[in-house]
């Protein structure tokens, strides 16, 4: 990256004290694209490392304690930490929202952590100057419950599009895969119960959805690309602008440990080998091009740069976003 150093807050575009007098940074610029970080949820998960990352080993977590504690792992109880966040991009005069979190008031009988939430997500959007009607494009990197929830909001007794003027870009492969009649054939199974009914079908019926496959060019700075494995239609967004690069990585990874140990999968992968292959490919790209990686679920600084180390990778710099 040429114009933004990731060693500390650099020209933050909107800051406010965090209560200790330290400015909080939620916005950076890469080339001609402005990036806002919008948090829906950030806390300890109910999952220990062996549940969230079932093929990981205790010694792998211990080996990376300095990287992981305290924002990504609580070794005293072996609990993981995670965030659910959106990335808001301002590019070529349009506002683009990447992933919409879990949403408020959604009933998730098999995902209690996301059931009947009541968060300040829309207020957090407003804090970076975005009203729902301002959003031009919504990108769902895949169609899991915690990436589509704010596609809709409850109006009376009906689920209606939260972003009424937006085009919702959804991957064709996930659109077919997660149809309710197919849930019994998936790894995640009923974890995605009710998602179509309350978060996908209403925007389809409103005529707001555009399906895409393989790749999709958004503008001269942004391009969607499939990175399957986590789900069949799991996707990433490439940013290239004035020499700066970034990858909005969705659920390519769920935890910081996967940077140093990319063979580790989460418990949510539909295709474990495919997830590892996509991770290896995109990690190599990020390391070789100095691209900023912006996943959906990392707490702390939320985004990072990486580099090669021997035959693997390591995290080289955190982004200057304030820690959650």
Protein backbone atom coordinates (compact mmCIF):
# COMPACT_ATOMS: atom_id res chain seq x y z
CA UNK A 1 0.00 0.00 0.00
CA UNK A 2 1.37 3.37 -0.92
CA UNK A 3 -0.72 6.12 0.67
CA UNK A 4 -1.67 4.67 4.04
CA UNK A 5 0.74 3.45 6.69
CA UNK A 6 -0.78 0.79 8.92
CA UNK A 7 1.50 1.43 11.87
CA UNK A 8 -0.83 3.91 13.48
CA UNK A 9 -3.77 6.26 12.86
CA UNK A 10 -3.04 8.14 9.66
CA UNK A 11 -5.26 11.02 8.58
CA UNK A 12 -8.39 9.54 10.17
CA UNK A 13 -11.41 11.08 8.51
CA UNK A 14 -13.72 10.83 11.48
CA UNK A 15 -12.51 10.57 15.06
CA UNK A 16 -14.01 11.04 18.47
CA UNK A 17 -12.70 10.42 21.99
CA UNK A 18 -13.19 6.91 23.31
CA UNK A 19 -13.68 8.06 26.91
CA UNK A 20 -9.96 7.99 27.71
CA UNK A 21 -9.08 10.91 25.48
CA UNK A 22 -7.81 8.60 22.72
CA UNK A 23 -9.34 9.29 19.31
CA UNK A 24 -11.34 6.40 17.87
CA UNK A 25 -10.68 5.73 14.22
CA UNK A 26 -13.37 4.15 12.06
CA UNK A 27 -12.43 5.54 8.65
CA UNK A 28 -9.39 5.31 6.39
CA UNK A 29 -8.72 5.96 2.72
CA UNK A 30 -7.08 3.66 0.21
CA UNK A 31 -6.42 5.44 -3.06
CA UNK A 32 -9.67 7.09 -4.06
CA UNK A 33 -11.87 4.84 -1.92
CA UNK A 34 -13.01 5.76 1.58
CA UNK A 35 -13.56 2.85 3.99
CA UNK A 36 -15.69 2.99 7.14
CA UNK A 37 -15.76 0.22 9.73
CA UNK A 38 -19.24 -0.25 11.22
CA UNK A 39 -19.57 -2.62 14.18
CA UNK A 40 -22.74 -4.54 14.92
CA UNK A 41 -21.44 -6.89 17.62
CA UNK A 42 -18.07 -7.59 19.26
CA UNK A 43 -17.67 -9.87 22.24
CA UNK A 44 -16.61 -13.25 23.56
CA UNK A 45 -18.27 -16.10 21.69
CA UNK A 46 -19.83 -19.08 23.49
CA UNK A 47 -17.36 -21.36 21.68
CA UNK A 48 -14.06 -22.71 22.92
CA UNK A 49 -11.21 -23.12 20.46
CA UNK A 50 -11.86 -26.83 19.96
CA UNK A 51 -15.48 -26.10 18.99
CA UNK A 52 -15.00 -23.03 16.78
CA UNK A 53 -11.82 -24.39 15.15
CA UNK A 54 -12.14 -28.16 15.60
CA UNK A 55 -8.94 -29.15 13.78
CA UNK A 56 -6.75 -26.73 15.74
CA UNK A 57 -4.38 -27.89 18.46
CA UNK A 58 -3.82 -26.27 21.89
CA UNK A 59 -0.13 -25.78 21.11
CA UNK A 60 -1.02 -23.73 18.02
CA UNK A 61 -2.96 -21.28 20.15
CA UNK A 62 -0.19 -21.15 22.74
CA UNK A 63 2.38 -20.52 20.01
CA UNK A 64 0.56 -17.35 18.96
CA UNK A 65 -0.43 -15.98 22.37
CA UNK A 66 1.21 -12.62 21.75
CA UNK A 67 -0.86 -12.12 18.59
CA UNK A 68 -4.15 -13.42 19.96
CA UNK A 69 -4.44 -12.14 23.56
CA UNK A 70 -6.53 -10.28 24.63
CA UNK A 71 -8.63 -9.34 21.59
CA UNK A 72 -8.96 -12.70 19.84
CA UNK A 73 -8.61 -15.38 22.51
CA UNK A 74 -9.14 -15.66 26.27
CA UNK A 75 -6.71 -18.41 27.33
CA UNK A 76 -8.01 -18.53 30.91
CA UNK A 77 -11.30 -20.03 29.69
CA UNK A 78 -10.22 -21.00 26.14
CA UNK A 79 -13.00 -18.87 24.65
CA UNK A 80 -12.69 -17.16 21.29
CA UNK A 81 -13.68 -13.58 20.56
CA UNK A 82 -15.35 -12.35 17.39
CA UNK A 83 -16.93 -9.30 15.83
CA UNK A 84 -19.69 -8.87 13.30
CA UNK A 85 -19.01 -5.82 11.20
CA UNK A 86 -19.78 -4.17 7.90
CA UNK A 87 -17.45 -2.25 5.65
CA UNK A 88 -18.92 0.86 4.05
CA UNK A 89 -17.13 2.04 0.93
CA UNK A 90 -17.45 5.38 -0.82
CA UNK A 91 -16.28 4.89 -4.38
CA UNK A 92 -16.98 6.87 -7.55
CA UNK A 93 -19.81 8.75 -5.88
CA UNK A 94 -21.64 5.68 -4.60
CA UNK A 95 -22.06 4.18 -1.12
CA UNK A 96 -21.43 0.43 -1.00
CA UNK A 97 -22.25 -1.67 2.06
CA UNK A 98 -20.31 -4.94 2.43
CA UNK A 99 -22.23 -7.51 4.52
CA UNK A 100 -25.16 -6.58 6.73
CA UNK A 101 -24.60 -8.58 9.92
CA UNK A 102 -27.20 -10.52 11.85
CA UNK A 103 -29.98 -7.93 12.06
CA UNK A 104 -32.43 -7.02 14.79
CA UNK A 105 -35.42 -9.09 15.81
CA UNK A 106 -34.55 -12.15 13.72
CA UNK A 107 -35.56 -15.55 15.14
CA UNK A 108 -32.64 -17.99 14.82
CA UNK A 109 -33.68 -21.13 16.74
CA UNK A 110 -30.37 -22.89 16.12
CA UNK A 111 -28.11 -19.83 16.39
CA UNK A 112 -28.96 -18.34 19.76
CA UNK A 113 -26.16 -15.77 19.57
CA UNK A 114 -27.95 -14.08 16.63
CA UNK A 115 -31.56 -14.56 17.78
CA UNK A 116 -33.70 -11.51 18.56
CA UNK A 117 -30.81 -9.06 18.68
CA UNK A 118 -31.41 -5.42 19.47
CA UNK A 119 -28.27 -3.54 18.47
CA UNK A 120 -27.46 0.06 17.51
CA UNK A 121 -26.31 -0.91 14.02
CA UNK A 122 -28.30 1.75 12.17
CA UNK A 123 -27.05 4.39 14.59
CA UNK A 124 -23.52 3.17 13.98
CA UNK A 125 -24.11 3.59 10.25
CA UNK A 126 -25.42 7.09 10.89
CA UNK A 127 -22.24 7.86 12.86
CA UNK A 128 -20.24 7.52 9.63
CA UNK A 129 -22.75 9.63 7.75
CA UNK A 130 -24.84 6.90 6.13
CA UNK A 131 -28.64 6.71 6.20
CA UNK A 132 -30.34 3.57 4.87
CA UNK A 133 -31.73 5.45 1.88
CA UNK A 134 -28.22 6.63 0.94
CA UNK A 135 -26.87 3.14 0.22
CA UNK A 136 -26.48 2.40 -3.51
CA UNK A 137 -25.16 -1.18 -3.37
CA UNK A 138 -25.39 -3.91 -0.74
CA UNK A 139 -22.94 -6.80 -1.12
CA UNK A 140 -23.69 -10.05 0.69
CA UNK A 141 -20.39 -11.92 0.44
CA UNK A 142 -22.38 -15.10 1.14
CA UNK A 143 -25.84 -15.89 2.48
CA UNK A 144 -25.22 -17.04 6.05
CA UNK A 145 -27.50 -15.56 8.69
CA UNK A 146 -24.86 -13.19 10.09
CA UNK A 147 -24.15 -11.60 6.69
CA UNK A 148 -27.67 -10.80 5.49
CA UNK A 149 -29.60 -9.84 8.63
CA UNK A 150 -29.84 -6.10 8.05
CA UNK A 151 -30.93 -6.67 4.47
CA UNK A 152 -34.35 -6.15 6.01
CA UNK A 153 -36.00 -4.54 9.00
CA UNK A 154 -39.37 -5.09 10.61
CA UNK A 155 -42.07 -2.61 9.62
CA UNK A 156 -45.23 -3.44 11.50
CA UNK A 157 -45.44 -7.19 10.96
CA UNK A 158 -43.60 -7.27 7.63
CA UNK A 159 -39.93 -7.59 6.74
CA UNK A 160 -39.05 -4.80 4.32
CA UNK A 161 -35.75 -3.81 2.66
CA UNK A 162 -33.62 -1.74 5.01
CA UNK A 163 -31.85 -0.10 2.06
CA UNK A 164 -34.72 0.68 -0.32
CA UNK A 165 -32.65 2.39 -3.01
CA UNK A 166 -29.87 -0.21 -3.18
CA UNK A 167 -29.06 -3.01 -5.56
CA UNK A 168 -28.37 -6.14 -3.48
CA UNK A 169 -25.57 -8.20 -5.04
CA UNK A 170 -25.82 -11.88 -4.08
CA UNK A 171 -23.74 -14.81 -5.35
CA UNK A 172 -25.83 -17.06 -7.58
CA UNK A 173 -24.33 -20.25 -6.11
CA UNK A 174 -25.29 -19.35 -2.56
CA UNK A 175 -28.70 -18.16 -3.68
CA UNK A 176 -29.44 -21.66 -4.96
CA UNK A 177 -27.62 -23.56 -2.21
CA UNK A 178 -29.34 -21.95 0.79
CA UNK A 179 -32.93 -22.24 -0.40
CA UNK A 180 -34.97 -23.57 2.54
CA UNK A 181 -35.73 -26.88 0.86
CA UNK A 182 -31.97 -27.60 0.63
CA UNK A 183 -30.96 -26.91 4.25
CA UNK A 184 -31.03 -30.57 5.26
CA UNK A 185 -28.25 -31.24 2.72
CA UNK A 186 -25.83 -28.62 4.10
CA UNK A 187 -23.19 -28.68 6.85
CA UNK A 188 -24.67 -25.60 8.52
CA UNK A 189 -28.14 -27.08 8.10
CA UNK A 190 -30.82 -25.49 10.21
CA UNK A 191 -28.36 -22.86 11.40
CA UNK A 192 -29.65 -20.90 8.41
CA UNK A 193 -33.30 -21.49 9.25
CA UNK A 194 -35.62 -18.51 8.53
CA UNK A 195 -32.92 -16.59 6.65
CA UNK A 196 -34.67 -16.67 3.28
CA UNK A 197 -38.04 -15.88 4.77
CA UNK A 198 -36.94 -12.76 6.67
CA UNK A 199 -33.73 -11.55 4.98
CA UNK A 200 -33.57 -12.72 1.35
CA UNK A 201 -37.05 -13.20 -0.12
CA UNK A 202 -38.31 -9.70 0.85
CA UNK A 203 -35.56 -7.99 -1.14
CA UNK A 204 -36.06 -10.39 -4.05
CA UNK A 205 -39.77 -9.58 -4.10
CA UNK A 206 -38.94 -5.87 -4.00
CA UNK A 207 -36.94 -6.31 -7.21
CA UNK A 208 -33.66 -5.23 -5.61
CA UNK A 209 -31.51 -8.36 -6.06
CA UNK A 210 -28.91 -8.92 -8.77
CA UNK A 211 -27.34 -12.38 -8.88
CA UNK A 212 -23.78 -12.85 -10.17
CA UNK A 213 -21.32 -15.71 -10.71
CA UNK A 214 -17.53 -16.12 -11.06
CA UNK A 215 -16.76 -12.38 -10.97
CA UNK A 216 -18.51 -9.02 -11.15
CA UNK A 217 -17.03 -5.57 -11.75
CA UNK A 218 -18.55 -2.93 -9.49
CA UNK A 219 -16.52 0.06 -10.69
CA UNK A 220 -12.96 0.92 -11.70
CA UNK A 221 -11.73 0.29 -8.14
CA UNK A 222 -13.81 -2.69 -6.95
CA UNK A 223 -14.37 -6.21 -8.24
CA UNK A 224 -16.18 -9.22 -6.78
CA UNK A 225 -14.63 -12.69 -7.08
CA UNK A 226 -15.71 -16.12 -5.90
CA UNK A 227 -13.61 -17.71 -3.15
CA UNK A 228 -15.62 -20.90 -2.50
CA UNK A 229 -15.26 -23.33 0.36
CA UNK A 230 -16.86 -21.69 3.35
CA UNK A 231 -19.98 -21.77 1.19
CA UNK A 232 -20.28 -22.57 -2.53
CA UNK A 233 -20.78 -18.89 -3.35
CA UNK A 234 -18.45 -17.36 -0.76
CA UNK A 235 -16.89 -14.28 -2.28
CA UNK A 236 -14.39 -11.50 -1.72
CA UNK A 237 -14.07 -7.95 -3.02
CA UNK A 238 -10.81 -6.75 -4.52
CA UNK A 239 -9.95 -3.06 -4.17
CA UNK A 240 -7.25 -1.53 -6.38
CA UNK A 241 -6.96 2.26 -6.42
CA UNK A 242 -3.99 4.55 -7.02
CA UNK A 243 -1.51 1.84 -6.09
CA UNK A 244 -3.33 0.74 -2.93
CA UNK A 245 -4.89 -2.71 -2.62
CA UNK A 246 -7.28 -4.41 -0.25
CA UNK A 247 -9.35 -7.57 0.00
CA UNK A 248 -12.72 -7.53 1.76
CA UNK A 249 -12.49 -11.16 2.78
CA UNK A 250 -15.91 -12.05 4.20
CA UNK A 251 -15.54 -15.41 5.96
CA UNK A 252 -12.35 -16.49 4.22
CA UNK A 253 -11.08 -16.52 7.79
CA UNK A 254 -12.80 -16.25 11.16
CA UNK A 255 -9.86 -15.75 13.51
CA UNK A 256 -6.42 -14.17 13.58
CA UNK A 257 -4.85 -17.57 14.26
CA UNK A 258 -5.65 -18.57 10.68
CA UNK A 259 -3.13 -16.06 9.31
CA UNK A 260 -0.23 -18.02 10.80
CA UNK A 261 -2.04 -21.37 10.65
CA UNK A 262 -4.06 -21.24 7.41
CA UNK A 263 -4.74 -24.98 7.46
CA UNK A 264 -7.13 -24.41 10.38
CA UNK A 265 -10.79 -24.25 9.39
CA UNK A 266 -13.74 -23.03 11.37
CA UNK A 267 -16.58 -25.42 12.18
CA UNK A 268 -18.77 -23.70 9.56
CA UNK A 269 -17.04 -24.73 6.31
CA UNK A 270 -19.25 -26.46 3.77
CA UNK A 271 -16.17 -27.69 1.86
CA UNK A 272 -13.09 -27.91 4.09
CA UNK A 273 -10.58 -28.56 1.31
CA UNK A 274 -12.12 -25.81 -0.78
CA UNK A 275 -11.91 -23.35 2.11
CA UNK A 276 -8.20 -24.09 2.59
CA UNK A 277 -7.54 -23.75 -1.14
CA UNK A 278 -9.30 -20.37 -1.36
CA UNK A 279 -7.52 -19.16 1.77
CA UNK A 280 -4.11 -20.18 0.40
CA UNK A 281 -4.79 -18.45 -2.91
CA UNK A 282 -6.01 -15.19 -1.44
CA UNK A 283 -3.36 -15.14 1.30
CA UNK A 284 -0.66 -15.47 -1.36
CA UNK A 285 -2.20 -12.58 -3.28
CA UNK A 286 -2.42 -10.39 -0.17
CA UNK A 287 1.15 -11.14 0.90
CA UNK A 288 2.61 -10.60 -2.56
CA UNK A 289 0.74 -7.36 -3.29
CA UNK A 290 0.75 -5.86 0.24
CA UNK A 291 -3.05 -5.81 0.21
CA UNK A 292 -4.96 -4.89 3.36
CA UNK A 293 -7.18 -7.80 4.48
CA UNK A 294 -10.59 -6.81 5.88
CA UNK A 295 -12.53 -9.89 7.12
CA UNK A 296 -16.04 -9.83 8.52
CA UNK A 297 -15.38 -11.17 12.00
CA UNK A 298 -12.07 -9.99 13.43
CA UNK A 299 -12.30 -7.92 16.62
CA UNK A 300 -9.42 -5.75 17.81
CA UNK A 301 -8.16 -3.60 14.93
CA UNK A 302 -10.28 -5.66 12.56
CA UNK A 303 -7.99 -5.63 9.50
CA UNK A 304 -4.35 -6.38 8.78
CA UNK A 305 -1.50 -6.71 6.34
CA UNK A 306 0.38 -10.00 5.97
CA UNK A 307 3.62 -11.29 4.51
CA UNK A 308 5.20 -14.57 3.62
CA UNK A 309 7.27 -16.39 6.22
CA UNK A 310 9.05 -19.46 4.92
CA UNK A 311 6.42 -21.64 3.29
CA UNK A 312 3.64 -19.91 5.23
CA UNK A 313 2.42 -16.46 6.25
CA UNK A 314 2.40 -14.11 9.21
CA UNK A 315 0.60 -10.94 10.16
CA UNK A 316 2.85 -7.93 9.58
CA UNK A 317 0.72 -4.90 10.55
CA UNK A 318 -2.69 -4.18 12.00
CA UNK A 319 -4.82 -1.51 10.36
CA UNK A 320 -5.19 1.80 12.20
CA UNK A 321 -8.87 1.20 13.06
CA UNK A 322 -9.51 1.52 16.79
CA UNK A 323 -9.70 -1.75 18.70
CA UNK A 324 -13.08 -3.18 19.61
